[in-house]
Amino acid sequence: MKLNPGQLEVFVVVVECGSIRAAARRLGLTQPAVTYVVRELERQVGAALLLRQTSGVALTPLGESLHRRALRLLEEWRQAQDELAQLRDGTSGSLRLAFSSGAAARVLAPALEAFRQARPGVRLDIHELSLSDPRELWKVGQYDFAVISELDEPVHDDLERQVLFRVPLQVMARRGHPLAGARSLRELRDSLWLLPGYGPRLIGDQLLALGVEPPRQVMMVQSLYIALSLVRSTDALVLMSTVVLDDPQVAQTMVALPLREALPQLRVSLVSRGMAGLTPAARQFADSLLAVSEQAFTPAVAAGKRGRGAARPPASRLP
């Protein structure tokens, strides 16, 4: 069985678009041409990959497996092409990066400026992560690397982390909120909470330790922009890192509650499937992030053993 990137790309676009017709429009091909590619792919695989329905197409179990592999293979193919271009002339190629909301508020802009000066010809494609568990994205491997925020606790996965910095978590509210002076989480149980993916477990555990039931009103919000907008205009409370208060506009409208209970820290890490596999441009951008982090923060304390599934302090540049 010989599959080529062109076939896989057409297959992936069909899945993304949900129909042959929509995929043909995006690809600039005729419907018969797209249908031929899909059928030829199915012939080579020896089984159906798509279920044709009146509303479009759906993946068969075999199609789901191939789709996951195709995304990763196409990304590897793109990175291989980019690495060759970067090695050839030192400036061209592209990077696909992802950042969770607020993860690199203090370091992204200066790191980007340094990178653009060194490699002005590299095209950057930056995405915001909005999943409650960013690690799910690495099942398809669609980014050169990501910068994510997660609770500062041990993790067990096959991803490699380079810690950029750690920041405290705080409960925040709009200025003038009736509970802005609350001293304990006990006083906040009946409030509306805006929480990221890890929030319900964290707040629930904290309240249970105080002998209080978890909050009854919880809204899951993965977007920093949406969370800030809601907090400024409602009596909702939000759990987020103190980094957001570095923004003067945010600091003018929001306050951190002076709670007695200490909340865990967030760990902001550069995450990849393997630092050694980064393209030259990706390694340079990663080094820029690490350099800015070291200047902006005191050295992070190691959270565990170096290597896959463990956080690493930014004590040195990537090899």
C-alpha atoms as a PDB file:
ATOM      1  CA  MET A   1       0.000   0.000   0.000  1.00  0.00           C
ATOM      2  CA  LYS A   2       1.525   3.304  -1.138  1.00  0.00           C
ATOM      3  CA  LEU A   3      -0.094   6.470   0.153  1.00  0.00           C
ATOM      4  CA  ASN A   4       1.092   9.911  -0.871  1.00  0.00           C
ATOM      5  CA  PRO A   5       0.735  13.292   0.851  1.00  0.00           C
ATOM      6  CA  GLY A   6      -1.555  14.584  -1.898  1.00  0.00           C
ATOM      7  CA  GLN A   7      -4.118  11.846  -1.260  1.00  0.00           C
ATOM      8  CA  LEU A   8      -3.947  12.321   2.485  1.00  0.00           C
ATOM      9  CA  GLU A   9      -4.362  16.079   2.184  1.00  0.00           C
ATOM     10  CA  VAL A  10      -7.526  15.674   0.094  1.00  0.00           C
ATOM     11  CA  PHE A  11      -8.863  13.120   2.586  1.00  0.00           C
ATOM     12  CA  VAL A  12      -8.198  15.430   5.546  1.00  0.00           C
ATOM     13  CA  VAL A  13      -9.898  18.383   3.819  1.00  0.00           C
ATOM     14  CA  VAL A  14     -12.959  16.237   3.055  1.00  0.00           C
ATOM     15  CA  VAL A  15     -13.189  15.305   6.734  1.00  0.00           C
ATOM     16  CA  GLU A  16     -12.740  18.917   7.842  1.00  0.00           C
ATOM     17  CA  CYS A  17     -15.347  20.222   5.394  1.00  0.00           C
ATOM     18  CA  GLY A  18     -17.814  17.412   6.040  1.00  0.00           C
ATOM     19  CA  SER A  19     -18.674  16.882   2.382  1.00  0.00           C
ATOM     20  CA  ILE A  20     -17.120  16.220  -1.010  1.00  0.00           C
ATOM     21  CA  ARG A  21     -18.665  19.358  -2.471  1.00  0.00           C
ATOM     22  CA  ALA A  22     -17.298  21.696   0.205  1.00  0.00           C
ATOM     23  CA  ALA A  23     -13.870  20.044   0.018  1.00  0.00           C
ATOM     24  CA  ALA A  24     -13.798  20.496  -3.766  1.00  0.00           C
ATOM     25  CA  ARG A  25     -14.503  24.223  -3.365  1.00  0.00           C
ATOM     26  CA  ARG A  26     -11.722  24.645  -0.814  1.00  0.00           C
ATOM     27  CA  LEU A  27      -9.217  22.679  -2.877  1.00  0.00           C
ATOM     28  CA  GLY A  28     -10.170  24.303  -6.176  1.00  0.00           C
ATOM     29  CA  LEU A  29     -10.978  20.899  -7.713  1.00  0.00           C
ATOM     30  CA  THR A  30     -14.065  19.359  -9.255  1.00  0.00           C
ATOM     31  CA  GLN A  31     -16.268  17.056  -7.224  1.00  0.00           C
ATOM     32  CA  PRO A  32     -15.463  14.070  -9.465  1.00  0.00           C
ATOM     33  CA  ALA A  33     -11.738  14.693  -8.939  1.00  0.00           C
ATOM     34  CA  VAL A  34     -12.110  14.703  -5.147  1.00  0.00           C
ATOM     35  CA  THR A  35     -14.360  11.634  -5.278  1.00  0.00           C
ATOM     36  CA  TYR A  36     -11.771   9.830  -7.383  1.00  0.00           C
ATOM     37  CA  VAL A  37      -8.982  10.572  -4.895  1.00  0.00           C
ATOM     38  CA  VAL A  38     -11.066   9.319  -1.959  1.00  0.00           C
ATOM     39  CA  ARG A  39     -12.127   6.167  -3.786  1.00  0.00           C
ATOM     40  CA  GLU A  40      -8.565   5.475  -4.883  1.00  0.00           C
ATOM     41  CA  LEU A  41      -7.429   5.881  -1.275  1.00  0.00           C
ATOM     42  CA  GLU A  42     -10.119   3.459  -0.125  1.00  0.00           C
ATOM     43  CA  ARG A  43      -9.074   1.014  -2.825  1.00  0.00           C
ATOM     44  CA  GLN A  44      -5.486   1.135  -1.633  1.00  0.00           C
ATOM     45  CA  VAL A  45      -6.529   0.719   1.991  1.00  0.00           C
ATOM     46  CA  GLY A  46      -8.942  -2.042   1.086  1.00  0.00           C
ATOM     47  CA  ALA A  47     -11.880  -0.734   3.099  1.00  0.00           C
ATOM     48  CA  ALA A  48     -14.335   2.153   3.307  1.00  0.00           C
ATOM     49  CA  LEU A  49     -13.003   5.274   5.026  1.00  0.00           C
ATOM     50  CA  LEU A  50     -16.086   7.462   4.722  1.00  0.00           C
ATOM     51  CA  LEU A  51     -19.798   6.884   5.134  1.00  0.00           C
ATOM     52  CA  ARG A  52     -21.742   8.854   2.527  1.00  0.00           C
ATOM     53  CA  GLN A  53     -24.839  10.427   4.086  1.00  0.00           C
ATOM     54  CA  THR A  54     -27.424  12.942   2.926  1.00  0.00           C
ATOM     55  CA  SER A  55     -25.929  15.517   5.295  1.00  0.00           C
ATOM     56  CA  GLY A  56     -22.369  14.877   4.138  1.00  0.00           C
ATOM     57  CA  VAL A  57     -19.732  12.323   5.109  1.00  0.00           C
ATOM     58  CA  ALA A  58     -18.784  10.599   8.362  1.00  0.00           C
ATOM     59  CA  LEU A  59     -15.693   8.607   9.241  1.00  0.00           C
ATOM     60  CA  THR A  60     -15.726   4.852   9.590  1.00  0.00           C
ATOM     61  CA  PRO A  61     -13.636   3.406  12.455  1.00  0.00           C
ATOM     62  CA  LEU A  62     -10.844   2.735   9.956  1.00  0.00           C
ATOM     63  CA  GLY A  63     -11.286   6.250   8.596  1.00  0.00           C
ATOM     64  CA  GLU A  64     -10.905   7.720  12.088  1.00  0.00           C
ATOM     65  CA  SER A  65      -7.637   5.869  12.545  1.00  0.00           C
ATOM     66  CA  LEU A  66      -6.287   6.993   9.171  1.00  0.00           C
ATOM     67  CA  HIS A  67      -7.420  10.562   9.815  1.00  0.00           C
ATOM     68  CA  ARG A  68      -5.415  10.756  13.053  1.00  0.00           C
ATOM     69  CA  ARG A  69      -2.361   9.314  11.319  1.00  0.00           C
ATOM     70  CA  ALA A  70      -2.812  11.519   8.252  1.00  0.00           C
ATOM     71  CA  LEU A  71      -2.822  14.695  10.347  1.00  0.00           C
ATOM     72  CA  ARG A  72       0.399  13.700  12.020  1.00  0.00           C
ATOM     73  CA  LEU A  73       2.054  12.548   8.783  1.00  0.00           C
ATOM     74  CA  LEU A  74       1.129  15.770   6.984  1.00  0.00           C
ATOM     75  CA  GLU A  75       2.508  17.810   9.873  1.00  0.00           C
ATOM     76  CA  GLU A  76       5.726  15.796   9.835  1.00  0.00           C
ATOM     77  CA  TRP A  77       5.931  16.328   6.061  1.00  0.00           C
ATOM     78  CA  ARG A  78       5.426  20.083   6.492  1.00  0.00           C
ATOM     79  CA  GLN A  79       8.094  20.231   9.200  1.00  0.00           C
ATOM     80  CA  ALA A  80      10.505  18.271   7.021  1.00  0.00           C
ATOM     81  CA  GLN A  81       9.999  20.725   4.148  1.00  0.00           C
ATOM     82  CA  ASP A  82      10.354  23.680   6.513  1.00  0.00           C
ATOM     83  CA  GLU A  83      13.518  22.304   8.061  1.00  0.00           C
ATOM     84  CA  LEU A  84      15.124  21.850   4.642  1.00  0.00           C
ATOM     85  CA  ALA A  85      14.153  25.396   3.658  1.00  0.00           C
ATOM     86  CA  GLN A  86      15.446  26.804   6.947  1.00  0.00           C
ATOM     87  CA  LEU A  87      18.740  24.941   6.621  1.00  0.00           C
ATOM     88  CA  ARG A  88      19.091  25.970   2.985  1.00  0.00           C
ATOM     89  CA  ASP A  89      18.698  29.720   3.324  1.00  0.00           C
ATOM     90  CA  GLY A  90      18.302  30.281   7.056  1.00  0.00           C
ATOM     91  CA  THR A  91      15.214  32.463   6.863  1.00  0.00           C
ATOM     92  CA  SER A  92      12.272  30.879   5.006  1.00  0.00           C
ATOM     93  CA  GLY A  93       9.798  28.189   6.041  1.00  0.00           C
ATOM     94  CA  SER A  94       6.879  28.336   8.456  1.00  0.00           C
ATOM     95  CA  LEU A  95       5.994  27.678  12.088  1.00  0.00           C
ATOM     96  CA  ARG A  96       2.681  26.584  13.588  1.00  0.00           C
ATOM     97  CA  LEU A  97       2.540  27.464  17.274  1.00  0.00           C
ATOM     98  CA  ALA A  98      -0.196  27.315  19.898  1.00  0.00           C
ATOM     99  CA  PHE A  99      -0.679  29.233  23.150  1.00  0.00           C
ATOM    100  CA  SER A 100      -3.266  28.727  25.846  1.00  0.00           C
ATOM    101  CA  SER A 101      -5.101  31.871  26.968  1.00  0.00           C
ATOM    102  CA  GLY A 102      -2.791  34.129  28.926  1.00  0.00           C
ATOM    103  CA  ALA A 103      -0.022  31.510  29.018  1.00  0.00           C
ATOM    104  CA  ALA A 104       2.691  33.793  27.708  1.00  0.00           C
ATOM    105  CA  ALA A 105       1.339  37.245  28.469  1.00  0.00           C
ATOM    106  CA  ARG A 106       4.741  38.509  29.628  1.00  0.00           C
ATOM    107  CA  VAL A 107       7.021  36.725  27.183  1.00  0.00           C
ATOM    108  CA  LEU A 108       5.397  36.239  23.787  1.00  0.00           C
ATOM    109  CA  ALA A 109       5.731  39.797  22.464  1.00  0.00           C
ATOM    110  CA  PRO A 110       9.460  40.280  23.241  1.00  0.00           C
ATOM    111  CA  ALA A 111      10.270  36.746  22.091  1.00  0.00           C
ATOM    112  CA  LEU A 112       8.394  37.358  18.848  1.00  0.00           C
ATOM    113  CA  GLU A 113      10.285  40.595  18.256  1.00  0.00           C
ATOM    114  CA  ALA A 114      13.647  38.873  18.723  1.00  0.00           C
ATOM    115  CA  PHE A 115      12.632  36.013  16.455  1.00  0.00           C
ATOM    116  CA  ARG A 116      11.376  38.285  13.654  1.00  0.00           C
ATOM    117  CA  GLN A 117      14.675  40.149  13.651  1.00  0.00           C
ATOM    118  CA  ALA A 118      16.598  36.885  13.271  1.00  0.00           C
ATOM    119  CA  ARG A 119      14.262  35.151  10.799  1.00  0.00           C
ATOM    120  CA  PRO A 120      12.059  37.723   9.068  1.00  0.00           C
ATOM    121  CA  GLY A 121      11.159  35.342   6.240  1.00  0.00           C
ATOM    122  CA  VAL A 122       9.574  32.614   8.398  1.00  0.00           C
ATOM    123  CA  ARG A 123       5.783  32.613   8.226  1.00  0.00           C
ATOM    124  CA  LEU A 124       4.136  32.288  11.639  1.00  0.00           C
ATOM    125  CA  ASP A 125       0.742  30.685  12.219  1.00  0.00           C
ATOM    126  CA  ILE A 126      -0.227  31.191  15.877  1.00  0.00           C
ATOM    127  CA  HIS A 127      -3.302  29.576  17.390  1.00  0.00           C
ATOM    128  CA  GLU A 128      -5.035  29.943  20.748  1.00  0.00           C
ATOM    129  CA  LEU A 129      -5.703  26.751  22.661  1.00  0.00           C
ATOM    130  CA  SER A 130      -9.209  26.578  24.068  1.00  0.00           C
ATOM    131  CA  LEU A 131      -9.453  22.920  25.086  1.00  0.00           C
ATOM    132  CA  SER A 132      -9.805  22.014  28.743  1.00  0.00           C
ATOM    133  CA  ASP A 133      -6.956  19.565  28.222  1.00  0.00           C
ATOM    134  CA  PRO A 134      -4.451  20.944  25.658  1.00  0.00           C
ATOM    135  CA  ARG A 135      -2.661  17.570  25.590  1.00  0.00           C
ATOM    136  CA  GLU A 136      -5.493  16.200  23.460  1.00  0.00           C
ATOM    137  CA  LEU A 137      -4.085  18.213  20.551  1.00  0.00           C
ATOM    138  CA  TRP A 138      -0.918  16.158  20.540  1.00  0.00           C
ATOM    139  CA  LYS A 139      -2.851  13.073  19.450  1.00  0.00           C
ATOM    140  CA  VAL A 140      -2.818  14.658  16.009  1.00  0.00           C
ATOM    141  CA  GLY A 141       0.397  16.638  16.382  1.00  0.00           C
ATOM    142  CA  GLN A 142      -0.551  19.728  14.453  1.00  0.00           C
ATOM    143  CA  TYR A 143       1.885  22.245  15.968  1.00  0.00           C
ATOM    144  CA  ASP A 144       5.656  22.656  16.123  1.00  0.00           C
ATOM    145  CA  PHE A 145       5.230  23.311  19.822  1.00  0.00           C
ATOM    146  CA  ALA A 146       2.720  24.777  22.256  1.00  0.00           C
ATOM    147  CA  VAL A 147       2.942  26.983  25.325  1.00  0.00           C
ATOM    148  CA  ILE A 148       0.383  25.840  27.874  1.00  0.00           C
ATOM    149  CA  SER A 149      -0.744  26.680  31.401  1.00  0.00           C
ATOM    150  CA  GLU A 150      -1.436  23.796  33.750  1.00  0.00           C
ATOM    151  CA  LEU A 151      -1.518  23.178  37.476  1.00  0.00           C
ATOM    152  CA  ASP A 152       1.972  22.841  38.893  1.00  0.00           C
ATOM    153  CA  GLU A 153       1.728  19.137  39.650  1.00  0.00           C
ATOM    154  CA  PRO A 154       3.306  15.963  38.252  1.00  0.00           C
ATOM    155  CA  VAL A 155       2.120  14.832  34.836  1.00  0.00           C
ATOM    156  CA  HIS A 156       2.402  11.452  33.214  1.00  0.00           C
ATOM    157  CA  ASP A 157       2.313  11.561  29.443  1.00  0.00           C
ATOM    158  CA  ASP A 158       4.679  11.250  26.506  1.00  0.00           C
ATOM    159  CA  LEU A 159       5.167  14.995  26.039  1.00  0.00           C
ATOM    160  CA  GLU A 160       8.341  16.910  26.764  1.00  0.00           C
ATOM    161  CA  ARG A 161       8.165  20.142  28.771  1.00  0.00           C
ATOM    162  CA  GLN A 162      10.484  23.080  29.252  1.00  0.00           C
ATOM    163  CA  VAL A 163       9.233  25.275  32.103  1.00  0.00           C
ATOM    164  CA  LEU A 164       9.073  28.980  31.245  1.00  0.00           C
ATOM    165  CA  PHE A 165       7.746  30.285  34.554  1.00  0.00           C
ATOM    166  CA  ARG A 166       5.346  29.691  37.416  1.00  0.00           C
ATOM    167  CA  VAL A 167       2.693  32.145  38.605  1.00  0.00           C
ATOM    168  CA  PRO A 168       0.202  32.183  41.489  1.00  0.00           C
ATOM    169  CA  LEU A 169      -3.476  31.562  40.923  1.00  0.00           C
ATOM    170  CA  GLN A 170      -5.965  34.043  42.356  1.00  0.00           C
ATOM    171  CA  VAL A 171      -9.716  34.422  42.612  1.00  0.00           C
ATOM    172  CA  MET A 172     -10.599  37.703  40.922  1.00  0.00           C
ATOM    173  CA  ALA A 173     -13.653  39.913  40.621  1.00  0.00           C
ATOM    174  CA  ARG A 174     -14.608  43.262  39.171  1.00  0.00           C
ATOM    175  CA  ARG A 175     -13.805  46.354  41.173  1.00  0.00           C
ATOM    176  CA  GLY A 176     -16.801  47.192  43.331  1.00  0.00           C
ATOM    177  CA  HIS A 177     -17.930  43.556  43.563  1.00  0.00           C
ATOM    178  CA  PRO A 178     -19.860  42.998  46.841  1.00  0.00           C
ATOM    179  CA  LEU A 179     -17.441  40.188  47.734  1.00  0.00           C
ATOM    180  CA  ALA A 180     -14.243  41.957  46.640  1.00  0.00           C
ATOM    181  CA  GLY A 181     -13.060  42.018  50.252  1.00  0.00           C
ATOM    182  CA  ALA A 182     -13.851  38.374  51.019  1.00  0.00           C
ATOM    183  CA  ARG A 183     -11.229  36.713  53.209  1.00  0.00           C
ATOM    184  CA  SER A 184     -12.174  33.057  52.726  1.00  0.00           C
ATOM    185  CA  LEU A 185     -13.422  30.735  50.027  1.00  0.00           C
ATOM    186  CA  ARG A 186     -16.260  29.884  52.416  1.00  0.00           C
ATOM    187  CA  GLU A 187     -17.867  33.214  51.551  1.00  0.00           C
ATOM    188  CA  LEU A 188     -17.806  32.493  47.814  1.00  0.00           C
ATOM    189  CA  ARG A 189     -19.658  29.184  47.511  1.00  0.00           C
ATOM    190  CA  ASP A 190     -22.916  30.721  46.274  1.00  0.00           C
ATOM    191  CA  SER A 191     -21.254  32.906  43.642  1.00  0.00           C
ATOM    192  CA  LEU A 192     -21.155  32.240  39.920  1.00  0.00           C
ATOM    193  CA  TRP A 193     -17.702  30.894  39.050  1.00  0.00           C
ATOM    194  CA  LEU A 194     -16.028  31.166  35.656  1.00  0.00           C
ATOM    195  CA  LEU A 195     -13.494  28.350  35.553  1.00  0.00           C
ATOM    196  CA  PRO A 196     -10.955  26.814  33.171  1.00  0.00           C
ATOM    197  CA  GLY A 197     -10.738  23.054  32.710  1.00  0.00           C
ATOM    198  CA  TYR A 198      -8.843  22.368  35.916  1.00  0.00           C
ATOM    199  CA  GLY A 199     -10.944  24.833  37.928  1.00  0.00           C
ATOM    200  CA  PRO A 200     -13.866  22.733  39.226  1.00  0.00           C
ATOM    201  CA  ARG A 201     -11.549  20.109  40.717  1.00  0.00           C
ATOM    202  CA  LEU A 202      -9.281  22.717  42.269  1.00  0.00           C
ATOM    203  CA  ILE A 203     -12.017  24.883  43.803  1.00  0.00           C
ATOM    204  CA  GLY A 204     -14.050  21.835  44.796  1.00  0.00           C
ATOM    205  CA  ASP A 205     -11.096  20.305  46.645  1.00  0.00           C
ATOM    206  CA  GLN A 206     -10.303  23.601  48.356  1.00  0.00           C
ATOM    207  CA  LEU A 207     -13.877  24.013  49.595  1.00  0.00           C
ATOM    208  CA  LEU A 208     -14.182  20.394  50.684  1.00  0.00           C
ATOM    209  CA  ALA A 209     -11.004  20.848  52.759  1.00  0.00           C
ATOM    210  CA  LEU A 210     -12.829  23.675  54.539  1.00  0.00           C
ATOM    211  CA  GLY A 211     -15.871  21.473  55.102  1.00  0.00           C
ATOM    212  CA  VAL A 212     -17.911  23.315  52.472  1.00  0.00           C
ATOM    213  CA  GLU A 213     -19.722  21.833  49.489  1.00  0.00           C
ATOM    214  CA  PRO A 214     -18.383  22.686  45.994  1.00  0.00           C
ATOM    215  CA  PRO A 215     -19.881  25.740  44.267  1.00  0.00           C
ATOM    216  CA  ARG A 216     -23.316  25.238  42.739  1.00  0.00           C
ATOM    217  CA  GLN A 217     -22.953  27.722  39.894  1.00  0.00           C
ATOM    218  CA  VAL A 218     -20.064  26.963  37.573  1.00  0.00           C
ATOM    219  CA  MET A 219     -19.526  28.105  34.003  1.00  0.00           C
ATOM    220  CA  MET A 220     -16.657  26.579  32.038  1.00  0.00           C
ATOM    221  CA  VAL A 221     -14.842  29.319  30.101  1.00  0.00           C
ATOM    222  CA  GLN A 222     -11.663  28.534  28.179  1.00  0.00           C
ATOM    223  CA  SER A 223     -11.224  31.963  26.574  1.00  0.00           C
ATOM    224  CA  LEU A 224      -9.373  34.633  28.537  1.00  0.00           C
ATOM    225  CA  TYR A 225     -11.113  37.376  26.554  1.00  0.00           C
ATOM    226  CA  ILE A 226     -14.597  36.013  27.279  1.00  0.00           C
ATOM    227  CA  ALA A 227     -13.803  35.467  30.960  1.00  0.00           C
ATOM    228  CA  LEU A 228     -12.546  39.032  31.403  1.00  0.00           C
ATOM    229  CA  SER A 229     -15.549  40.445  29.548  1.00  0.00           C
ATOM    230  CA  LEU A 230     -18.012  38.560  31.744  1.00  0.00           C
ATOM    231  CA  VAL A 231     -16.255  39.403  35.015  1.00  0.00           C
ATOM    232  CA  ARG A 232     -16.156  43.103  34.212  1.00  0.00           C
ATOM    233  CA  SER A 233     -19.913  43.237  33.574  1.00  0.00           C
ATOM    234  CA  THR A 234     -21.316  40.721  36.106  1.00  0.00           C
ATOM    235  CA  ASP A 235     -20.857  39.545  39.680  1.00  0.00           C
ATOM    236  CA  ALA A 236     -19.128  36.365  38.524  1.00  0.00           C
ATOM    237  CA  LEU A 237     -15.792  35.326  40.020  1.00  0.00           C
ATOM    238  CA  VAL A 238     -12.925  33.999  37.944  1.00  0.00           C
ATOM    239  CA  LEU A 239      -9.904  31.843  38.706  1.00  0.00           C
ATOM    240  CA  MET A 240      -6.808  32.913  36.789  1.00  0.00           C
ATOM    241  CA  SER A 241      -3.149  33.748  37.153  1.00  0.00           C
ATOM    242  CA  THR A 242      -1.924  37.076  38.512  1.00  0.00           C
ATOM    243  CA  VAL A 243      -0.194  37.734  35.176  1.00  0.00           C
ATOM    244  CA  VAL A 244      -3.400  39.310  33.828  1.00  0.00           C
ATOM    245  CA  LEU A 245      -3.082  42.134  36.369  1.00  0.00           C
ATOM    246  CA  ASP A 246       0.129  43.220  34.628  1.00  0.00           C
ATOM    247  CA  ASP A 247      -2.148  44.707  31.975  1.00  0.00           C
ATOM    248  CA  PRO A 248      -3.037  48.228  33.204  1.00  0.00           C
ATOM    249  CA  GLN A 249      -6.493  48.052  31.586  1.00  0.00           C
ATOM    250  CA  VAL A 250      -7.259  44.817  33.436  1.00  0.00           C
ATOM    251  CA  ALA A 251      -5.841  46.120  36.717  1.00  0.00           C
ATOM    252  CA  GLN A 252      -8.118  49.164  36.498  1.00  0.00           C
ATOM    253  CA  THR A 253     -11.257  47.018  36.347  1.00  0.00           C
ATOM    254  CA  MET A 254     -10.429  43.875  38.357  1.00  0.00           C
ATOM    255  CA  VAL A 255      -9.038  42.956  41.768  1.00  0.00           C
ATOM    256  CA  ALA A 256      -7.658  39.811  43.372  1.00  0.00           C
ATOM    257  CA  LEU A 257      -9.590  38.777  46.473  1.00  0.00           C
ATOM    258  CA  PRO A 258      -7.490  38.818  49.699  1.00  0.00           C
ATOM    259  CA  LEU A 259      -8.211  35.190  50.600  1.00  0.00           C
ATOM    260  CA  ARG A 260      -6.517  33.449  53.512  1.00  0.00           C
ATOM    261  CA  GLU A 261      -6.396  30.126  51.656  1.00  0.00           C
ATOM    262  CA  ALA A 262      -3.339  29.620  49.473  1.00  0.00           C
ATOM    263  CA  LEU A 263      -4.132  28.449  45.952  1.00  0.00           C
ATOM    264  CA  PRO A 264      -1.786  26.310  43.810  1.00  0.00           C
ATOM    265  CA  GLN A 265       0.510  27.776  41.199  1.00  0.00           C
ATOM    266  CA  LEU A 266       0.195  27.552  37.467  1.00  0.00           C
ATOM    267  CA  ARG A 267       3.122  26.205  35.479  1.00  0.00           C
ATOM    268  CA  VAL A 268       3.620  27.703  32.034  1.00  0.00           C
ATOM    269  CA  SER A 269       5.608  25.321  29.850  1.00  0.00           C
ATOM    270  CA  LEU A 270       6.801  24.954  26.321  1.00  0.00           C
ATOM    271  CA  VAL A 271       5.474  21.546  25.275  1.00  0.00           C
ATOM    272  CA  SER A 272       6.404  19.384  22.309  1.00  0.00           C
ATOM    273  CA  ARG A 273       6.588  15.766  21.237  1.00  0.00           C
ATOM    274  CA  GLY A 274      10.366  16.110  21.565  1.00  0.00           C
ATOM    275  CA  MET A 275      12.616  19.154  21.738  1.00  0.00           C
ATOM    276  CA  ALA A 276      15.304  17.404  19.717  1.00  0.00           C
ATOM    277  CA  GLY A 277      12.881  17.102  16.787  1.00  0.00           C
ATOM    278  CA  LEU A 278      12.166  20.821  16.455  1.00  0.00           C
ATOM    279  CA  THR A 279      13.106  22.544  13.210  1.00  0.00           C
ATOM    280  CA  PRO A 280      15.857  25.193  13.396  1.00  0.00           C
ATOM    281  CA  ALA A 281      13.304  28.011  13.364  1.00  0.00           C
ATOM    282  CA  ALA A 282      11.188  26.361  16.065  1.00  0.00           C
ATOM    283  CA  ARG A 283      14.270  25.846  18.225  1.00  0.00           C
ATOM    284  CA  GLN A 284      15.219  29.505  17.804  1.00  0.00           C
ATOM    285  CA  PHE A 285      11.721  30.695  18.764  1.00  0.00           C
ATOM    286  CA  ALA A 286      11.753  28.342  21.768  1.00  0.00           C
ATOM    287  CA  ASP A 287      15.143  29.720  22.829  1.00  0.00           C
ATOM    288  CA  SER A 288      13.766  33.268  22.526  1.00  0.00           C
ATOM    289  CA  LEU A 289      10.875  32.362  24.840  1.00  0.00           C
ATOM    290  CA  LEU A 290      13.273  30.801  27.348  1.00  0.00           C
ATOM    291  CA  ALA A 291      15.610  33.802  27.290  1.00  0.00           C
ATOM    292  CA  VAL A 292      12.781  36.280  27.873  1.00  0.00           C
ATOM    293  CA  SER A 293      11.365  34.090  30.650  1.00  0.00           C
ATOM    294  CA  GLU A 294      14.693  33.972  32.454  1.00  0.00           C
ATOM    295  CA  GLN A 295      14.895  37.752  32.349  1.00  0.00           C
ATOM    296  CA  ALA A 296      11.306  38.298  33.495  1.00  0.00           C
ATOM    297  CA  PHE A 297      11.113  35.669  36.211  1.00  0.00           C
ATOM    298  CA  THR A 298      13.323  34.102  38.833  1.00  0.00           C
ATOM    299  CA  PRO A 299      14.496  30.614  37.805  1.00  0.00           C
ATOM    300  CA  ALA A 300      11.660  28.091  38.043  1.00  0.00           C
ATOM    301  CA  VAL A 301      12.048  25.319  40.565  1.00  0.00           C
ATOM    302  CA  ALA A 302      12.148  21.891  38.994  1.00  0.00           C
ATOM    303  CA  ALA A 303       8.836  20.067  39.311  1.00  0.00           C
ATOM    304  CA  GLY A 304      10.127  16.622  38.607  1.00  0.00           C
ATOM    305  CA  LYS A 305      12.549  14.474  36.700  1.00  0.00           C
ATOM    306  CA  ARG A 306      13.828  15.810  33.390  1.00  0.00           C
ATOM    307  CA  GLY A 307      12.508  14.178  30.264  1.00  0.00           C
ATOM    308  CA  ARG A 308       9.183  13.110  28.881  1.00  0.00           C
ATOM    309  CA  GLY A 309       6.176  13.619  31.093  1.00  0.00           C
ATOM    310  CA  ALA A 310       8.123  15.751  33.582  1.00  0.00           C
ATOM    311  CA  ALA A 311       8.640  19.482  33.832  1.00  0.00           C
ATOM    312  CA  ARG A 312      12.117  20.934  33.384  1.00  0.00           C
ATOM    313  CA  PRO A 313      13.539  24.210  34.675  1.00  0.00           C
ATOM    314  CA  PRO A 314      14.755  26.739  32.097  1.00  0.00           C
ATOM    315  CA  ALA A 315      18.338  26.395  33.266  1.00  0.00           C
ATOM    316  CA  SER A 316      19.802  26.167  29.797  1.00  0.00           C
ATOM    317  CA  ARG A 317      18.981  26.596  26.154  1.00  0.00           C
ATOM    318  CA  LEU A 318      17.579  23.810  24.095  1.00  0.00           C
ATOM    319  CA  PRO A 319      20.321  21.524  22.808  1.00  0.00           C
END
